């Protein structure tokens, strides 16, 4: 299966300004420091195997 890159989202200048002016929201139970939705900005892992095994042939049975 071919994985496609995420689709780009276009924002208008007005949208960008509204996002900049929006107050920071603290969620209950959020104990970690850092920007909100930090994990949502990271690309998901494509495989659980190490990168060195990415192009290796599957194990023989």
Protein backbone atom coordinates (compact mmCIF):
# COMPACT_ATOMS: atom_id res chain seq x y z
CA UNK A 1 0.00 0.00 0.00
CA UNK A 2 1.35 3.41 -0.95
CA UNK A 3 1.35 6.03 1.80
CA UNK A 4 0.58 9.52 0.58
CA UNK A 5 2.00 12.60 2.27
CA UNK A 6 -0.47 14.65 4.30
CA UNK A 7 -2.51 17.15 2.35
CA UNK A 8 -1.47 20.77 2.79
CA UNK A 9 -3.99 23.09 4.42
CA UNK A 10 -4.22 26.62 3.11
CA UNK A 11 -5.15 29.39 5.53
CA UNK A 12 -6.16 32.91 4.69
CA UNK A 13 -4.36 35.85 6.31
CA UNK A 14 -7.46 36.42 8.44
CA UNK A 15 -7.37 32.82 9.69
CA UNK A 16 -3.70 33.16 10.58
CA UNK A 17 -4.31 36.40 12.49
CA UNK A 18 -7.22 34.83 14.42
CA UNK A 19 -5.04 31.88 15.38
CA UNK A 20 -2.24 34.19 16.56
CA UNK A 21 -4.66 36.22 18.67
CA UNK A 22 -6.39 33.17 20.19
CA UNK A 23 -5.62 32.70 23.89
CA UNK A 24 -3.63 29.65 24.94
CA UNK A 25 -5.98 26.95 26.18
CA UNK A 26 -4.95 24.78 29.12
CA UNK A 27 -6.69 21.43 29.32
CA UNK A 28 -7.36 19.74 32.63
CA UNK A 29 -4.87 17.00 33.35
CA UNK A 30 -2.29 18.33 30.89
CA UNK A 31 0.89 17.75 32.86
CA UNK A 32 3.46 17.99 30.09
CA UNK A 33 5.13 21.22 29.11
CA UNK A 34 5.38 22.37 25.53
CA UNK A 35 3.06 23.59 22.82
CA UNK A 36 -0.44 22.10 22.66
CA UNK A 37 -0.94 19.39 20.03
CA UNK A 38 2.80 18.87 19.79
CA UNK A 39 2.33 15.17 19.09
CA UNK A 40 -0.24 15.90 16.38
CA UNK A 41 2.39 17.76 14.35
CA UNK A 42 4.75 14.82 14.21
CA UNK A 43 4.54 12.34 11.36
CA UNK A 44 3.30 8.91 12.47
CA UNK A 45 5.74 6.03 12.40
CA UNK A 46 5.35 4.03 9.21
CA UNK A 47 6.78 0.82 10.64
CA UNK A 48 7.80 -0.64 13.97
CA UNK A 49 10.98 -2.11 12.52
CA UNK A 50 14.26 -0.19 12.77
CA UNK A 51 15.08 2.05 9.81
CA UNK A 52 17.95 -0.25 8.80
CA UNK A 53 15.39 -3.03 8.19
CA UNK A 54 13.02 -0.88 6.15
CA UNK A 55 14.12 -2.34 2.82
CA UNK A 56 15.15 -5.78 4.02
CA UNK A 57 13.35 -8.81 2.68
CA UNK A 58 10.73 -10.35 4.98
CA UNK A 59 11.95 -13.18 7.23
CA UNK A 60 11.73 -16.66 5.74
CA UNK A 61 9.32 -19.09 7.35
